[in-house]
C-alpha atoms as a PDB file:
ATOM      1  CA  MET A   1      -9.591 -11.128  -5.029  1.00  0.00           C
ATOM      2  CA  ALA A   2      -7.750 -13.142  -2.401  1.00  0.00           C
ATOM      3  CA  THR A   3      -9.142 -16.637  -1.856  1.00  0.00           C
ATOM      4  CA  ALA A   4     -11.436 -16.647   1.165  1.00  0.00           C
ATOM      5  CA  LEU A   5     -10.446 -19.006   3.979  1.00  0.00           C
ATOM      6  CA  SER A   6     -12.995 -21.492   5.254  1.00  0.00           C
ATOM      7  CA  ALA A   7     -14.517 -20.598   8.614  1.00  0.00           C
ATOM      8  CA  ALA A   8     -15.541 -24.209   9.284  1.00  0.00           C
ATOM      9  CA  LYS A   9     -14.015 -26.094  12.225  1.00  0.00           C
ATOM     10  CA  THR A  10     -13.558 -29.825  12.727  1.00  0.00           C
ATOM     11  CA  PRO A  11     -15.477 -31.541  15.581  1.00  0.00           C
ATOM     12  CA  GLN A  12     -12.156 -32.238  17.355  1.00  0.00           C
ATOM     13  CA  ILE A  13     -11.257 -28.543  17.404  1.00  0.00           C
ATOM     14  CA  VAL A  14     -14.698 -27.642  18.774  1.00  0.00           C
ATOM     15  CA  VAL A  15     -14.381 -30.197  21.610  1.00  0.00           C
ATOM     16  CA  SER A  16     -10.876 -28.958  22.462  1.00  0.00           C
ATOM     17  CA  SER A  17     -12.112 -25.360  22.539  1.00  0.00           C
ATOM     18  CA  LEU A  18     -14.922 -26.276  24.947  1.00  0.00           C
ATOM     19  CA  LEU A  19     -12.486 -28.054  27.306  1.00  0.00           C
ATOM     20  CA  VAL A  20     -10.145 -25.036  27.330  1.00  0.00           C
ATOM     21  CA  LEU A  21     -13.090 -22.709  28.001  1.00  0.00           C
ATOM     22  CA  ALA A  22     -14.314 -24.861  30.900  1.00  0.00           C
ATOM     23  CA  ALA A  23     -10.850 -24.928  32.444  1.00  0.00           C
ATOM     24  CA  ALA A  24     -10.545 -21.159  32.186  1.00  0.00           C
ATOM     25  CA  VAL A  25     -13.872 -20.582  33.937  1.00  0.00           C
ATOM     26  CA  ALA A  26     -13.026 -23.128  36.679  1.00  0.00           C
ATOM     27  CA  CYS A  27      -9.812 -21.237  37.444  1.00  0.00           C
ATOM     28  CA  GLY A  28     -11.663 -17.979  37.893  1.00  0.00           C
ATOM     29  CA  GLY A  29     -11.075 -16.761  34.359  1.00  0.00           C
ATOM     30  CA  SER A  30     -13.759 -15.346  32.118  1.00  0.00           C
ATOM     31  CA  ALA A  31     -14.951 -16.635  28.802  1.00  0.00           C
ATOM     32  CA  PRO A  32     -13.625 -14.640  25.821  1.00  0.00           C
ATOM     33  CA  THR A  33     -16.130 -12.334  24.198  1.00  0.00           C
ATOM     34  CA  ALA A  34     -16.862 -12.318  20.475  1.00  0.00           C
ATOM     35  CA  GLU A  35     -15.232  -8.908  20.218  1.00  0.00           C
ATOM     36  CA  SER A  36     -11.958 -10.134  21.712  1.00  0.00           C
ATOM     37  CA  SER A  37     -11.672 -13.199  19.474  1.00  0.00           C
ATOM     38  CA  PRO A  38      -9.131 -12.635  16.678  1.00  0.00           C
ATOM     39  CA  ALA A  39     -10.416 -12.802  13.120  1.00  0.00           C
ATOM     40  CA  GLU A  40      -8.974 -15.402  10.801  1.00  0.00           C
ATOM     41  CA  ALA A  41      -5.962 -14.007   8.952  1.00  0.00           C
ATOM     42  CA  PRO A  42      -6.365 -13.812   5.171  1.00  0.00           C
ATOM     43  CA  GLY A  43      -3.966 -15.710   2.962  1.00  0.00           C
ATOM     44  CA  PRO A  44      -1.012 -14.034   1.225  1.00  0.00           C
ATOM     45  CA  ALA A  45      -1.968 -11.481  -1.425  1.00  0.00           C
ATOM     46  CA  PRO A  46      -1.763 -13.115  -4.870  1.00  0.00           C
ATOM     47  CA  VAL A  47       0.958 -11.894  -7.248  1.00  0.00           C
ATOM     48  CA  ILE A  48       0.304 -11.247 -10.943  1.00  0.00           C
ATOM     49  CA  LYS A  49       2.420 -10.065 -13.889  1.00  0.00           C
ATOM     50  CA  PRO A  50       1.371  -7.306 -16.311  1.00  0.00           C
ATOM     51  CA  VAL A  51       0.610  -8.415 -19.868  1.00  0.00           C
ATOM     52  CA  VAL A  52       2.119  -5.849 -22.256  1.00  0.00           C
ATOM     53  CA  LEU A  53      -0.204  -4.851 -25.091  1.00  0.00           C
ATOM     54  CA  LYS A  54       1.585  -1.819 -26.536  1.00  0.00           C
ATOM     55  CA  GLU A  55       4.651   0.376 -26.030  1.00  0.00           C
ATOM     56  CA  ILE A  56       4.205   4.165 -26.381  1.00  0.00           C
ATOM     57  CA  PRO A  57       6.939   6.843 -26.366  1.00  0.00           C
ATOM     58  CA  HIS A  58       7.426   8.903 -23.196  1.00  0.00           C
ATOM     59  CA  ASP A  59       9.578  11.945 -22.447  1.00  0.00           C
ATOM     60  CA  PRO A  60      12.766  10.480 -20.907  1.00  0.00           C
ATOM     61  CA  THR A  61      13.400  13.754 -19.039  1.00  0.00           C
ATOM     62  CA  ALA A  62      10.083  13.486 -17.135  1.00  0.00           C
ATOM     63  CA  TRP A  63      10.431  12.692 -13.412  1.00  0.00           C
ATOM     64  CA  THR A  64       6.941  11.216 -13.391  1.00  0.00           C
ATOM     65  CA  GLN A  65       4.931  11.799 -10.203  1.00  0.00           C
ATOM     66  CA  GLY A  66       1.353  11.344 -11.368  1.00  0.00           C
ATOM     67  CA  LEU A  67      -0.362   9.913 -14.452  1.00  0.00           C
ATOM     68  CA  GLU A  68      -4.115   9.951 -15.041  1.00  0.00           C
ATOM     69  CA  PHE A  69      -6.700   9.790 -17.797  1.00  0.00           C
ATOM     70  CA  ASP A  70      -9.659  12.162 -17.767  1.00  0.00           C
ATOM     71  CA  GLY A  71     -11.787  10.608 -20.484  1.00  0.00           C
ATOM     72  CA  PRO A  72      -9.505  10.508 -23.552  1.00  0.00           C
ATOM     73  CA  THR A  73      -7.156  13.163 -22.146  1.00  0.00           C
ATOM     74  CA  LEU A  74      -3.950  12.054 -20.449  1.00  0.00           C
ATOM     75  CA  TYR A  75      -2.410  14.250 -17.740  1.00  0.00           C
ATOM     76  CA  GLU A  76       1.008  13.917 -16.150  1.00  0.00           C
ATOM     77  CA  GLY A  77       2.576  15.630 -13.165  1.00  0.00           C
ATOM     78  CA  THR A  78       6.375  15.789 -13.032  1.00  0.00           C
ATOM     79  CA  GLY A  79       8.691  16.636 -10.165  1.00  0.00           C
ATOM     80  CA  ILE A  80      12.008  18.188  -9.108  1.00  0.00           C
ATOM     81  CA  ALA A  81      12.055  21.760  -7.847  1.00  0.00           C
ATOM     82  CA  GLY A  82      12.448  24.200 -10.708  1.00  0.00           C
ATOM     83  CA  GLN A  83      11.592  21.525 -13.297  1.00  0.00           C
ATOM     84  CA  SER A  84       8.122  20.396 -12.205  1.00  0.00           C
ATOM     85  CA  GLN A  85       5.203  20.656 -14.644  1.00  0.00           C
ATOM     86  CA  ILE A  86       1.555  19.833 -15.108  1.00  0.00           C
ATOM     87  CA  ARG A  87       1.247  18.376 -18.613  1.00  0.00           C
ATOM     88  CA  GLU A  88      -1.342  17.220 -21.090  1.00  0.00           C
ATOM     89  CA  LEU A  89       0.030  14.363 -23.209  1.00  0.00           C
ATOM     90  CA  ASP A  90      -0.988  12.797 -26.488  1.00  0.00           C
ATOM     91  CA  PRO A  91      -1.908   9.286 -25.307  1.00  0.00           C
ATOM     92  CA  ASP A  92      -0.952   7.736 -28.655  1.00  0.00           C
ATOM     93  CA  THR A  93       2.472   9.334 -29.142  1.00  0.00           C
ATOM     94  CA  GLY A  94       3.421  10.567 -25.661  1.00  0.00           C
ATOM     95  CA  ALA A  95       4.030  14.062 -27.066  1.00  0.00           C
ATOM     96  CA  VAL A  96       3.518  16.988 -24.683  1.00  0.00           C
ATOM     97  CA  ARG A  97       0.547  19.028 -25.895  1.00  0.00           C
ATOM     98  CA  ARG A  98       0.549  21.615 -23.092  1.00  0.00           C
ATOM     99  CA  ALA A  99       2.629  22.217 -19.988  1.00  0.00           C
ATOM    100  CA  ALA A 100       2.755  24.664 -17.087  1.00  0.00           C
ATOM    101  CA  PRO A 101       5.110  25.013 -14.097  1.00  0.00           C
ATOM    102  CA  PRO A 102       3.715  25.171 -10.538  1.00  0.00           C
ATOM    103  CA  PRO A 103       3.931  28.426  -8.549  1.00  0.00           C
ATOM    104  CA  ASP A 104       7.100  29.274  -6.626  1.00  0.00           C
ATOM    105  CA  ASP A 105       9.154  26.458  -8.167  1.00  0.00           C
ATOM    106  CA  TYR A 106       7.314  23.920  -6.015  1.00  0.00           C
ATOM    107  CA  TYR A 107       8.449  20.308  -6.132  1.00  0.00           C
ATOM    108  CA  GLY A 108       5.424  18.748  -7.837  1.00  0.00           C
ATOM    109  CA  GLU A 109       4.108  15.354  -6.800  1.00  0.00           C
ATOM    110  CA  GLY A 110       0.930  13.321  -7.428  1.00  0.00           C
ATOM    111  CA  ILE A 111      -2.047  14.668  -9.382  1.00  0.00           C
ATOM    112  CA  THR A 112      -5.714  13.823  -9.841  1.00  0.00           C
ATOM    113  CA  VAL A 113      -8.621  15.326 -11.792  1.00  0.00           C
ATOM    114  CA  VAL A 114     -11.776  16.465  -9.996  1.00  0.00           C
ATOM    115  CA  GLY A 115     -14.363  17.974 -12.328  1.00  0.00           C
ATOM    116  CA  ASP A 116     -12.863  21.008 -14.084  1.00  0.00           C
ATOM    117  CA  ASN A 117      -9.840  21.053 -11.796  1.00  0.00           C
ATOM    118  CA  ILE A 118      -6.624  19.168 -11.143  1.00  0.00           C
ATOM    119  CA  TRP A 119      -5.269  18.792  -7.624  1.00  0.00           C
ATOM    120  CA  GLU A 120      -1.504  18.542  -7.372  1.00  0.00           C
ATOM    121  CA  LEU A 121       0.520  17.672  -4.290  1.00  0.00           C
ATOM    122  CA  THR A 122       3.900  19.169  -3.466  1.00  0.00           C
ATOM    123  CA  TRP A 123       6.578  17.094  -1.798  1.00  0.00           C
ATOM    124  CA  ARG A 124       7.725  19.134   1.212  1.00  0.00           C
ATOM    125  CA  ASP A 125       6.340  22.591   0.396  1.00  0.00           C
ATOM    126  CA  GLY A 126       3.328  22.055   2.657  1.00  0.00           C
ATOM    127  CA  VAL A 127       0.644  22.910   0.087  1.00  0.00           C
ATOM    128  CA  ALA A 128      -1.629  21.342  -2.502  1.00  0.00           C
ATOM    129  CA  VAL A 129      -2.203  23.333  -5.677  1.00  0.00           C
ATOM    130  CA  GLN A 130      -5.567  23.407  -7.430  1.00  0.00           C
ATOM    131  CA  TRP A 131      -5.369  23.959 -11.203  1.00  0.00           C
ATOM    132  CA  ASP A 132      -7.943  24.836 -13.842  1.00  0.00           C
ATOM    133  CA  LYS A 133      -7.572  21.876 -16.192  1.00  0.00           C
ATOM    134  CA  ASN A 134      -8.836  23.851 -19.205  1.00  0.00           C
ATOM    135  CA  THR A 135      -6.265  26.649 -18.927  1.00  0.00           C
ATOM    136  CA  LEU A 136      -3.562  24.915 -16.855  1.00  0.00           C
ATOM    137  CA  ALA A 137      -3.556  27.977 -14.611  1.00  0.00           C
ATOM    138  CA  PRO A 138      -3.226  27.627 -10.811  1.00  0.00           C
ATOM    139  CA  VAL A 139      -6.417  28.565  -8.953  1.00  0.00           C
ATOM    140  CA  ARG A 140      -5.429  28.372  -5.266  1.00  0.00           C
ATOM    141  CA  GLU A 141      -3.136  26.722  -2.737  1.00  0.00           C
ATOM    142  CA  ILE A 142      -4.266  24.810   0.369  1.00  0.00           C
ATOM    143  CA  PRO A 143      -2.022  23.998   3.373  1.00  0.00           C
ATOM    144  CA  VAL A 144      -1.335  20.269   3.755  1.00  0.00           C
ATOM    145  CA  ASP A 145       0.064  18.417   6.763  1.00  0.00           C
ATOM    146  CA  GLY A 146       2.945  16.059   6.040  1.00  0.00           C
ATOM    147  CA  GLU A 147       4.635  15.171   2.789  1.00  0.00           C
ATOM    148  CA  GLY A 148       2.829  14.776  -0.521  1.00  0.00           C
ATOM    149  CA  TRP A 149       3.503  11.677  -2.661  1.00  0.00           C
ATOM    150  CA  GLY A 150       0.566  10.149  -4.548  1.00  0.00           C
ATOM    151  CA  LEU A 151      -3.033  11.280  -5.070  1.00  0.00           C
ATOM    152  CA  CYS A 152      -6.237   9.893  -6.577  1.00  0.00           C
ATOM    153  CA  HIS A 153      -9.988  10.558  -6.514  1.00  0.00           C
ATOM    154  CA  ASP A 154     -12.433   7.709  -5.884  1.00  0.00           C
ATOM    155  CA  GLY A 155     -15.487   9.745  -6.868  1.00  0.00           C
ATOM    156  CA  GLU A 156     -16.271  10.855  -3.320  1.00  0.00           C
ATOM    157  CA  ARG A 157     -12.958  11.698  -1.671  1.00  0.00           C
ATOM    158  CA  LEU A 158      -9.314  12.297  -2.417  1.00  0.00           C
ATOM    159  CA  ILE A 159      -6.852   9.646  -1.255  1.00  0.00           C
ATOM    160  CA  ARG A 160      -3.262  10.684  -0.561  1.00  0.00           C
ATOM    161  CA  SER A 161      -0.023   8.866   0.206  1.00  0.00           C
ATOM    162  CA  ASP A 162       2.788  10.517   2.163  1.00  0.00           C
ATOM    163  CA  GLY A 163       5.645   8.011   1.914  1.00  0.00           C
ATOM    164  CA  THR A 164       4.576   6.027   4.974  1.00  0.00           C
ATOM    165  CA  ASP A 165       2.146   3.112   5.311  1.00  0.00           C
ATOM    166  CA  LEU A 166      -0.696   5.626   5.726  1.00  0.00           C
ATOM    167  CA  LEU A 167      -3.391   6.554   3.214  1.00  0.00           C
ATOM    168  CA  ARG A 168      -5.042   9.873   4.095  1.00  0.00           C
ATOM    169  CA  PHE A 169      -8.535  10.887   2.985  1.00  0.00           C
ATOM    170  CA  HIS A 170      -9.387  14.463   1.942  1.00  0.00           C
ATOM    171  CA  ASP A 171     -12.458  16.421   0.927  1.00  0.00           C
ATOM    172  CA  PRO A 172     -12.258  16.950  -2.864  1.00  0.00           C
ATOM    173  CA  GLN A 173     -13.475  20.543  -2.640  1.00  0.00           C
ATOM    174  CA  THR A 174     -11.672  21.920   0.421  1.00  0.00           C
ATOM    175  CA  PHE A 175      -8.805  19.408   0.758  1.00  0.00           C
ATOM    176  CA  ALA A 176      -9.634  19.118   4.467  1.00  0.00           C
ATOM    177  CA  GLU A 177      -8.378  15.807   5.890  1.00  0.00           C
ATOM    178  CA  THR A 178     -11.273  13.512   6.809  1.00  0.00           C
ATOM    179  CA  GLY A 179      -9.622  10.255   7.932  1.00  0.00           C
ATOM    180  CA  SER A 180      -6.911   7.712   7.245  1.00  0.00           C
ATOM    181  CA  VAL A 181      -6.098   4.002   7.127  1.00  0.00           C
ATOM    182  CA  ARG A 182      -2.890   2.011   7.662  1.00  0.00           C
ATOM    183  CA  VAL A 183      -1.855  -0.256   4.775  1.00  0.00           C
ATOM    184  CA  THR A 184      -0.702  -3.826   5.350  1.00  0.00           C
ATOM    185  CA  ARG A 185       0.499  -6.614   3.117  1.00  0.00           C
ATOM    186  CA  ASP A 186       0.063 -10.106   4.559  1.00  0.00           C
ATOM    187  CA  GLY A 187      -0.392  -8.580   8.007  1.00  0.00           C
ATOM    188  CA  HIS A 188       2.711  -6.359   7.914  1.00  0.00           C
ATOM    189  CA  PRO A 189       2.837  -2.555   7.469  1.00  0.00           C
ATOM    190  CA  LEU A 190       3.648  -1.502   3.902  1.00  0.00           C
ATOM    191  CA  PRO A 191       5.368   1.917   3.715  1.00  0.00           C
ATOM    192  CA  MET A 192       6.767   3.904   0.752  1.00  0.00           C
ATOM    193  CA  LEU A 193       3.407   4.094  -1.013  1.00  0.00           C
ATOM    194  CA  ASN A 194       3.813   6.483  -3.917  1.00  0.00           C
ATOM    195  CA  GLU A 195       1.771   7.234  -7.065  1.00  0.00           C
ATOM    196  CA  LEU A 196      -1.888   6.255  -6.681  1.00  0.00           C
ATOM    197  CA  GLU A 197      -4.783   5.355  -8.975  1.00  0.00           C
ATOM    198  CA  CYS A 198      -8.363   4.899  -7.730  1.00  0.00           C
ATOM    199  CA  VAL A 199     -10.317   2.251  -9.668  1.00  0.00           C
ATOM    200  CA  ASP A 200     -13.673   0.699  -8.766  1.00  0.00           C
ATOM    201  CA  GLY A 201     -13.387   1.292  -5.023  1.00  0.00           C
ATOM    202  CA  LYS A 202      -9.779   0.067  -4.771  1.00  0.00           C
ATOM    203  CA  VAL A 203      -6.459   1.953  -4.752  1.00  0.00           C
ATOM    204  CA  TRP A 204      -3.493   0.925  -6.863  1.00  0.00           C
ATOM    205  CA  ALA A 205      -0.164   2.177  -5.505  1.00  0.00           C
ATOM    206  CA  ASN A 206       3.424   2.131  -6.680  1.00  0.00           C
ATOM    207  CA  VAL A 207       5.842   1.112  -3.938  1.00  0.00           C
ATOM    208  CA  TRP A 208       8.770   3.531  -4.171  1.00  0.00           C
ATOM    209  CA  GLN A 209      12.034   2.162  -5.565  1.00  0.00           C
ATOM    210  CA  THR A 210      10.571  -1.243  -6.315  1.00  0.00           C
ATOM    211  CA  ASP A 211       9.061  -2.920  -9.376  1.00  0.00           C
ATOM    212  CA  MET A 212       5.922  -3.579  -7.366  1.00  0.00           C
ATOM    213  CA  ILE A 213       2.400  -2.170  -7.593  1.00  0.00           C
ATOM    214  CA  VAL A 214      -0.167  -3.127  -4.960  1.00  0.00           C
ATOM    215  CA  ARG A 215      -3.950  -2.973  -4.934  1.00  0.00           C
ATOM    216  CA  ILE A 216      -5.383  -1.803  -1.611  1.00  0.00           C
ATOM    217  CA  ASP A 217      -8.832  -2.037  -0.075  1.00  0.00           C
ATOM    218  CA  PRO A 218      -9.163   1.479   1.419  1.00  0.00           C
ATOM    219  CA  GLY A 219     -11.801   0.247   3.855  1.00  0.00           C
ATOM    220  CA  THR A 220      -9.395  -2.114   5.615  1.00  0.00           C
ATOM    221  CA  GLY A 221      -5.995  -1.025   4.334  1.00  0.00           C
ATOM    222  CA  ARG A 222      -5.270  -4.597   3.264  1.00  0.00           C
ATOM    223  CA  VAL A 223      -3.341  -5.322   0.065  1.00  0.00           C
ATOM    224  CA  ASP A 224      -5.350  -7.858  -1.928  1.00  0.00           C
ATOM    225  CA  THR A 225      -3.284  -8.033  -5.141  1.00  0.00           C
ATOM    226  CA  VAL A 226       0.391  -7.476  -5.966  1.00  0.00           C
ATOM    227  CA  VAL A 227       1.715  -6.689  -9.460  1.00  0.00           C
ATOM    228  CA  ASP A 228       5.293  -7.794 -10.117  1.00  0.00           C
ATOM    229  CA  ALA A 229       6.404  -5.480 -12.961  1.00  0.00           C
ATOM    230  CA  THR A 230      10.039  -6.609 -12.941  1.00  0.00           C
ATOM    231  CA  GLY A 231      11.535  -6.167 -16.401  1.00  0.00           C
ATOM    232  CA  LEU A 232       8.681  -4.036 -17.770  1.00  0.00           C
ATOM    233  CA  TRP A 233      11.312  -1.654 -19.142  1.00  0.00           C
ATOM    234  CA  SER A 234      14.128  -4.026 -19.941  1.00  0.00           C
ATOM    235  CA  GLU A 235      16.846  -1.344 -20.016  1.00  0.00           C
ATOM    236  CA  GLN A 236      16.252  -0.058 -16.492  1.00  0.00           C
ATOM    237  CA  GLY A 237      19.355  -1.967 -15.446  1.00  0.00           C
ATOM    238  CA  GLY A 238      18.878  -1.548 -11.704  1.00  0.00           C
ATOM    239  CA  ASP A 239      19.045   2.272 -11.855  1.00  0.00           C
ATOM    240  CA  ARG A 240      17.248   3.295  -8.649  1.00  0.00           C
ATOM    241  CA  GLN A 241      16.366   6.719 -10.065  1.00  0.00           C
ATOM    242  CA  LYS A 242      14.669   5.326 -13.153  1.00  0.00           C
ATOM    243  CA  VAL A 243      12.026   3.526 -11.153  1.00  0.00           C
ATOM    244  CA  LEU A 244       8.490   2.430 -11.900  1.00  0.00           C
ATOM    245  CA  ASN A 245       6.060   5.252 -11.077  1.00  0.00           C
ATOM    246  CA  GLY A 246       2.895   6.095 -12.981  1.00  0.00           C
ATOM    247  CA  ILE A 247      -0.451   4.285 -13.179  1.00  0.00           C
ATOM    248  CA  ALA A 248      -3.322   5.471 -15.392  1.00  0.00           C
ATOM    249  CA  HIS A 249      -6.478   3.389 -15.738  1.00  0.00           C
ATOM    250  CA  ILE A 250      -7.734   3.094 -19.322  1.00  0.00           C
ATOM    251  CA  GLU A 251     -10.714   0.743 -19.179  1.00  0.00           C
ATOM    252  CA  GLY A 252     -11.576  -2.646 -17.753  1.00  0.00           C
ATOM    253  CA  ASP A 253      -8.348  -4.397 -16.771  1.00  0.00           C
ATOM    254  CA  GLU A 254      -6.163  -2.179 -18.987  1.00  0.00           C
ATOM    255  CA  TYR A 255      -3.733   0.408 -17.622  1.00  0.00           C
ATOM    256  CA  LEU A 256      -0.926   2.679 -18.767  1.00  0.00           C
ATOM    257  CA  LEU A 257       2.282   2.257 -16.746  1.00  0.00           C
ATOM    258  CA  THR A 258       5.527   4.209 -16.854  1.00  0.00           C
ATOM    259  CA  GLY A 259       8.390   5.337 -14.641  1.00  0.00           C
ATOM    260  CA  LYS A 260      10.714   8.201 -13.786  1.00  0.00           C
ATOM    261  CA  PHE A 261      12.955   9.111 -16.731  1.00  0.00           C
ATOM    262  CA  TRP A 262      11.489   6.219 -18.730  1.00  0.00           C
ATOM    263  CA  PRO A 263      11.492   6.590 -22.533  1.00  0.00           C
ATOM    264  CA  SER A 264       8.315   4.506 -22.828  1.00  0.00           C
ATOM    265  CA  MET A 265       4.844   4.025 -21.420  1.00  0.00           C
ATOM    266  CA  TYR A 266       3.285   0.570 -21.529  1.00  0.00           C
ATOM    267  CA  ARG A 267      -0.329  -0.274 -22.153  1.00  0.00           C
ATOM    268  CA  VAL A 268      -0.836  -3.402 -20.086  1.00  0.00           C
ATOM    269  CA  ARG A 269      -3.553  -5.754 -18.955  1.00  0.00           C
ATOM    270  CA  LEU A 270      -3.666  -6.681 -15.279  1.00  0.00           C
ATOM    271  CA  ASP A 271      -5.544  -9.977 -15.270  1.00  0.00           C
ATOM    272  CA  PRO A 272      -7.368 -10.630 -11.987  1.00  0.00           C
ATOM    273  CA  PRO A 273      -5.831 -13.529 -10.038  1.00  0.00           C
ATOM    274  CA  ALA A 274      -7.678 -16.834 -10.156  1.00  0.00           C
END
């Protein structure tokens, strides 16, 4: 959604470019190829504010790691070793309908639904856990390289964050890693990518310990929209544990946002930038 920059050049710039090119060739240099010419840098990613539509209760003891709708059903993954759970929530009241702990007291991280299963990352346990979403029973564990932070499914592949500026791509059936992309905002690496949500070919990501959510083009890694959610929960009071973390797409431009140890979830509208 960033405003495209004009590729047009003024006649003066064209003449100057030709003179520089001629001088380079006369001095034994070679003309630059099309491949070596730098592309025009995009403008700064636009910043928007969430429009709050509704406040919904949320378990204030939940260290939220993943939040995702599967049709009308809302799932949440929570963290901390010995306290982690996969949960089904009532989307209207926030009440926990069902819950199950991961195997071996794993430190649960991001989750995403794929068909009849839920994939859940673990932080530093080196595995991803596949769950049966109907029974909330673990099905299998797959070794994973690096840390697990956020996870989403774009319909064809899983996309994972690991706390760096890297998004990793995985096969949704085997969890085999198939590629990756580096994320940048305004030309600079953007690390600490956390909870993810895949929507219409883009990836929304919380940035750990900030009030910022970014929208990423996974083809280029470029951030094209920034959400400033400062003050969404007014009583956060600068507590760096009770941070924004949890993005669930509802429909259109509407999302459910929450955070770690937050007593509320917020139905919001994220209006596209002009």
